[in-house]
């Protein structure tokens, strides 16, 4: 079974509730069903599998968020130009 792919901003993982990725479609409506497995991707090439979970906001609104599976984080874009090794320097 192929999981649906969703483009997200992983910066939302640090806002309340921390650890969950927030997402909405263009109309602000939910895209997916609760407990559905998806792949979240961002413009920088990060990917993670996630499960859509329900959440009740402080104002009582019921929304769905994405709970990332920590074991599935990966970077799909390898750098075109490898970075040079870090050089050890003494601090004067």
N, C-alpha and C. Protein backbone atom coordinates (compact mmCIF):
# COMPACT_ATOMS: atom_id res chain seq x y z
N UNK A 1 0.84 -1.17 0.00
CA UNK A 1 0.00 0.00 0.00
C UNK A 1 0.90 1.25 0.00
N UNK A 2 0.61 2.18 -0.89
CA UNK A 2 1.36 3.42 -0.97
C UNK A 2 0.71 4.46 -0.07
N UNK A 3 1.53 5.08 0.78
CA UNK A 3 1.02 6.12 1.68
C UNK A 3 0.91 7.44 0.94
N UNK A 4 -0.11 8.23 1.30
CA UNK A 4 -0.25 9.57 0.74
C UNK A 4 0.90 10.43 1.22
N UNK A 5 1.35 11.33 0.36
CA UNK A 5 2.44 12.25 0.71
C UNK A 5 1.86 13.64 0.90
N UNK A 6 2.27 14.30 1.98
CA UNK A 6 1.79 15.64 2.28
C UNK A 6 2.98 16.57 2.46
N UNK A 7 2.94 17.71 1.80
CA UNK A 7 3.97 18.72 2.00
C UNK A 7 3.59 19.54 3.22
N UNK A 8 4.53 19.66 4.16
CA UNK A 8 4.27 20.36 5.42
C UNK A 8 5.45 21.25 5.77
N UNK A 9 5.26 22.06 6.79
CA UNK A 9 6.32 22.87 7.37
C UNK A 9 6.64 22.24 8.73
N UNK A 10 7.80 21.59 8.83
CA UNK A 10 8.14 20.93 10.08
C UNK A 10 8.38 21.90 11.23
N UNK A 11 8.46 23.19 10.97
CA UNK A 11 8.58 24.16 12.05
C UNK A 11 7.36 24.14 12.97
N UNK A 12 6.22 23.66 12.47
CA UNK A 12 5.01 23.62 13.30
C UNK A 12 5.11 22.58 14.40
N UNK A 13 6.12 21.72 14.35
CA UNK A 13 6.28 20.67 15.37
C UNK A 13 6.67 21.26 16.72
N UNK A 14 7.15 22.51 16.73
CA UNK A 14 7.58 23.13 17.98
C UNK A 14 6.50 23.99 18.63
N UNK A 15 5.38 24.20 17.94
CA UNK A 15 4.29 24.98 18.55
C UNK A 15 3.32 24.03 19.25
N UNK A 16 2.49 24.58 20.11
CA UNK A 16 1.55 23.77 20.90
C UNK A 16 0.54 23.09 19.99
N UNK A 17 0.29 21.83 20.14
CA UNK A 17 0.95 20.85 21.00
C UNK A 17 2.29 20.42 20.40
N UNK A 18 3.35 20.54 21.18
CA UNK A 18 4.70 20.23 20.73
C UNK A 18 4.79 18.75 20.35
N UNK A 19 5.47 18.49 19.24
CA UNK A 19 5.68 17.11 18.80
C UNK A 19 4.71 16.64 17.74
N UNK A 20 3.69 17.44 17.45
CA UNK A 20 2.73 17.11 16.41
C UNK A 20 2.84 18.12 15.28
N UNK A 21 2.72 17.65 14.04
CA UNK A 21 2.81 18.53 12.87
C UNK A 21 1.41 19.01 12.53
N UNK A 22 1.26 20.33 12.38
CA UNK A 22 -0.03 20.91 12.04
C UNK A 22 -0.13 21.02 10.53
N UNK A 23 -1.31 20.78 10.00
CA UNK A 23 -1.51 20.88 8.55
C UNK A 23 -2.96 21.24 8.26
N UNK A 24 -3.16 21.93 7.18
CA UNK A 24 -4.49 22.24 6.66
C UNK A 24 -4.38 22.29 5.15
N UNK A 25 -5.47 21.99 4.47
CA UNK A 25 -5.44 22.17 3.01
C UNK A 25 -5.74 23.63 2.70
N UNK A 26 -5.86 23.97 1.44
CA UNK A 26 -6.04 25.38 1.04
C UNK A 26 -7.29 26.02 1.62
N UNK A 27 -8.34 25.23 1.84
CA UNK A 27 -9.60 25.77 2.36
C UNK A 27 -9.69 25.70 3.87
N UNK A 28 -8.63 25.19 4.52
CA UNK A 28 -8.68 25.05 5.97
C UNK A 28 -9.44 23.82 6.42
N UNK A 29 -9.78 22.94 5.52
CA UNK A 29 -10.51 21.72 5.87
C UNK A 29 -9.53 20.56 6.05
N UNK A 30 -9.92 19.59 6.85
CA UNK A 30 -9.07 18.43 7.06
C UNK A 30 -8.91 17.64 5.77
N UNK A 31 -7.70 17.15 5.56
CA UNK A 31 -7.41 16.39 4.36
C UNK A 31 -7.58 14.89 4.54
N UNK A 32 -7.35 14.39 5.74
CA UNK A 32 -7.23 12.96 5.95
C UNK A 32 -8.08 12.48 7.11
N UNK A 33 -8.21 11.16 7.22
CA UNK A 33 -8.99 10.56 8.29
C UNK A 33 -8.11 10.25 9.50
N UNK A 34 -8.70 10.24 10.69
CA UNK A 34 -7.98 9.86 11.89
C UNK A 34 -7.37 8.47 11.73
N UNK A 35 -6.19 8.29 12.28
CA UNK A 35 -5.44 7.03 12.25
C UNK A 35 -4.89 6.65 10.88
N UNK A 36 -5.06 7.50 9.90
CA UNK A 36 -4.50 7.22 8.57
C UNK A 36 -2.99 7.45 8.61
N UNK A 37 -2.22 6.58 7.96
CA UNK A 37 -0.76 6.72 7.88
C UNK A 37 -0.43 7.51 6.62
N UNK A 38 0.50 8.45 6.75
CA UNK A 38 0.92 9.30 5.64
C UNK A 38 2.43 9.49 5.69
N UNK A 39 2.99 10.07 4.64
CA UNK A 39 4.38 10.49 4.63
C UNK A 39 4.38 12.01 4.56
N UNK A 40 5.03 12.64 5.54
CA UNK A 40 5.16 14.09 5.57
C UNK A 40 6.50 14.46 4.94
N UNK A 41 6.51 15.45 4.05
CA UNK A 41 7.74 15.89 3.40
C UNK A 41 7.82 17.40 3.44
N UNK A 42 9.05 17.93 3.45
CA UNK A 42 9.19 19.38 3.38
C UNK A 42 10.10 19.75 2.22
N UNK A 43 10.22 21.03 1.96
CA UNK A 43 10.99 21.52 0.82
C UNK A 43 12.48 21.24 0.94
N UNK A 44 12.97 20.97 2.15
CA UNK A 44 14.38 20.71 2.36
C UNK A 44 14.75 19.23 2.23
N UNK A 45 13.78 18.39 1.88
CA UNK A 45 14.07 16.99 1.66
C UNK A 45 13.90 16.09 2.87
N UNK A 46 13.39 16.63 3.99
CA UNK A 46 13.13 15.78 5.15
C UNK A 46 11.82 15.04 4.94
N UNK A 47 11.79 13.79 5.36
CA UNK A 47 10.59 12.96 5.28
C UNK A 47 10.41 12.20 6.57
N UNK A 48 9.16 11.93 6.91
CA UNK A 48 8.85 11.09 8.06
C UNK A 48 7.46 10.50 7.86
N UNK A 49 7.28 9.24 8.26
CA UNK A 49 5.95 8.65 8.27
C UNK A 49 5.23 9.18 9.51
N UNK A 50 3.92 9.32 9.41
CA UNK A 50 3.15 9.87 10.53
C UNK A 50 1.75 9.26 10.53
N UNK A 51 1.11 9.37 11.67
CA UNK A 51 -0.28 8.94 11.84
C UNK A 51 -1.12 10.17 12.14
N UNK A 52 -2.26 10.28 11.48
CA UNK A 52 -3.18 11.39 11.72
C UNK A 52 -3.92 11.12 13.02
N UNK A 53 -3.85 12.09 13.96
CA UNK A 53 -4.44 11.91 15.28
C UNK A 53 -5.37 13.07 15.60
N UNK A 54 -6.43 12.81 16.39
CA UNK A 54 -7.34 13.89 16.80
C UNK A 54 -6.72 14.73 17.90
N UNK A 55 -7.14 16.00 17.96
CA UNK A 55 -6.66 16.91 19.00
C UNK A 55 -7.75 17.92 19.28
N UNK A 56 -7.96 18.23 20.57
CA UNK A 56 -8.95 19.24 20.98
C UNK A 56 -8.21 20.52 21.35
N UNK A 57 -8.50 21.61 20.66
CA UNK A 57 -7.84 22.88 20.94
C UNK A 57 -8.36 23.47 22.24
N UNK A 58 -7.67 24.51 22.72
CA UNK A 58 -8.09 25.18 23.96
C UNK A 58 -9.49 25.77 23.83
N UNK A 59 -9.88 26.10 22.62
CA UNK A 59 -11.23 26.67 22.39
C UNK A 59 -12.27 25.59 22.12
N UNK A 60 -11.88 24.33 22.23
CA UNK A 60 -12.82 23.23 22.07
C UNK A 60 -13.02 22.76 20.64
N UNK A 61 -12.24 23.27 19.71
CA UNK A 61 -12.35 22.82 18.33
C UNK A 61 -11.61 21.50 18.16
N UNK A 62 -12.22 20.58 17.46
CA UNK A 62 -11.60 19.28 17.20
C UNK A 62 -10.88 19.37 15.86
N UNK A 63 -9.57 19.09 15.87
CA UNK A 63 -8.76 19.12 14.66
C UNK A 63 -7.94 17.84 14.58
N UNK A 64 -7.36 17.60 13.43
CA UNK A 64 -6.46 16.46 13.27
C UNK A 64 -5.06 16.98 13.01
N UNK A 65 -4.09 16.33 13.62
CA UNK A 65 -2.68 16.66 13.46
C UNK A 65 -1.93 15.40 13.08
N UNK A 66 -0.67 15.54 12.72
CA UNK A 66 0.12 14.39 12.31
C UNK A 66 1.18 14.08 13.37
N UNK A 67 1.17 12.85 13.87
CA UNK A 67 2.15 12.40 14.86
C UNK A 67 3.26 11.65 14.15
N UNK A 68 4.47 12.24 14.05
CA UNK A 68 5.57 11.59 13.34
C UNK A 68 6.04 10.31 14.04
N UNK A 69 6.42 9.32 13.25
CA UNK A 69 7.04 8.10 13.75
C UNK A 69 8.54 8.38 13.81
N UNK A 70 9.07 8.58 15.00
CA UNK A 70 10.46 9.01 15.19
C UNK A 70 11.48 8.11 14.49
N UNK A 71 11.16 6.84 14.30
CA UNK A 71 12.10 5.90 13.69
C UNK A 71 12.18 6.01 12.17
N UNK A 72 11.36 6.88 11.57
CA UNK A 72 11.31 6.92 10.11
C UNK A 72 11.83 8.23 9.51
N UNK A 73 12.40 9.12 10.34
CA UNK A 73 12.94 10.37 9.80
C UNK A 73 14.06 10.07 8.82
N UNK A 74 14.06 10.74 7.67
CA UNK A 74 15.17 10.59 6.72
C UNK A 74 15.31 11.86 5.89
N UNK A 75 16.51 12.05 5.38
CA UNK A 75 16.83 13.17 4.51
C UNK A 75 16.97 12.62 3.11
N UNK A 76 16.12 13.04 2.20
CA UNK A 76 16.11 12.46 0.85
C UNK A 76 16.98 13.21 -0.14
N UNK A 77 17.50 14.36 0.26
CA UNK A 77 18.34 15.14 -0.65
C UNK A 77 19.77 15.10 -0.16
N UNK A 78 20.64 14.51 -0.96
CA UNK A 78 22.05 14.51 -0.58
C UNK A 78 22.67 15.80 -1.12
N UNK A 79 23.61 16.37 -0.41
CA UNK A 79 24.21 17.63 -0.87
C UNK A 79 24.94 17.44 -2.20
N UNK A 80 24.77 18.40 -3.10
CA UNK A 80 25.43 18.34 -4.40
C UNK A 80 26.94 18.50 -4.23
N UNK A 81 27.34 19.33 -3.29
CA UNK A 81 28.75 19.54 -3.02
C UNK A 81 28.99 19.13 -1.58
N UNK A 82 29.77 18.07 -1.37
CA UNK A 82 30.00 17.64 0.01
C UNK A 82 30.69 18.73 0.83
N UNK A 83 30.32 18.82 2.08
CA UNK A 83 30.94 19.80 2.96
C UNK A 83 32.33 19.33 3.35
N UNK A 84 33.28 20.26 3.50
CA UNK A 84 34.63 19.85 3.91
C UNK A 84 34.61 19.38 5.36
N UNK A 85 35.56 18.54 5.73
CA UNK A 85 35.60 18.10 7.13
C UNK A 85 35.89 19.27 8.06
N UNK A 86 35.38 19.18 9.25
CA UNK A 86 35.61 20.24 10.23
C UNK A 86 37.06 20.18 10.69
N UNK A 87 37.69 21.32 10.71
CA UNK A 87 39.08 21.37 11.17
C UNK A 87 39.12 21.76 12.64
N UNK A 88 39.91 21.04 13.40
CA UNK A 88 40.07 21.37 14.82
C UNK A 88 41.04 22.54 14.93
N UNK A 89 40.65 23.55 15.69
CA UNK A 89 41.51 24.71 15.91
C UNK A 89 41.60 25.00 17.38
N UNK A 90 42.76 25.45 17.80
CA UNK A 90 42.91 25.83 19.19
C UNK A 90 42.39 27.25 19.37
N UNK A 91 41.70 27.48 20.46
CA UNK A 91 41.19 28.81 20.77
C UNK A 91 42.28 29.56 21.51
N UNK A 92 42.59 30.75 21.04
CA UNK A 92 43.64 31.55 21.68
C UNK A 92 43.09 32.40 22.78
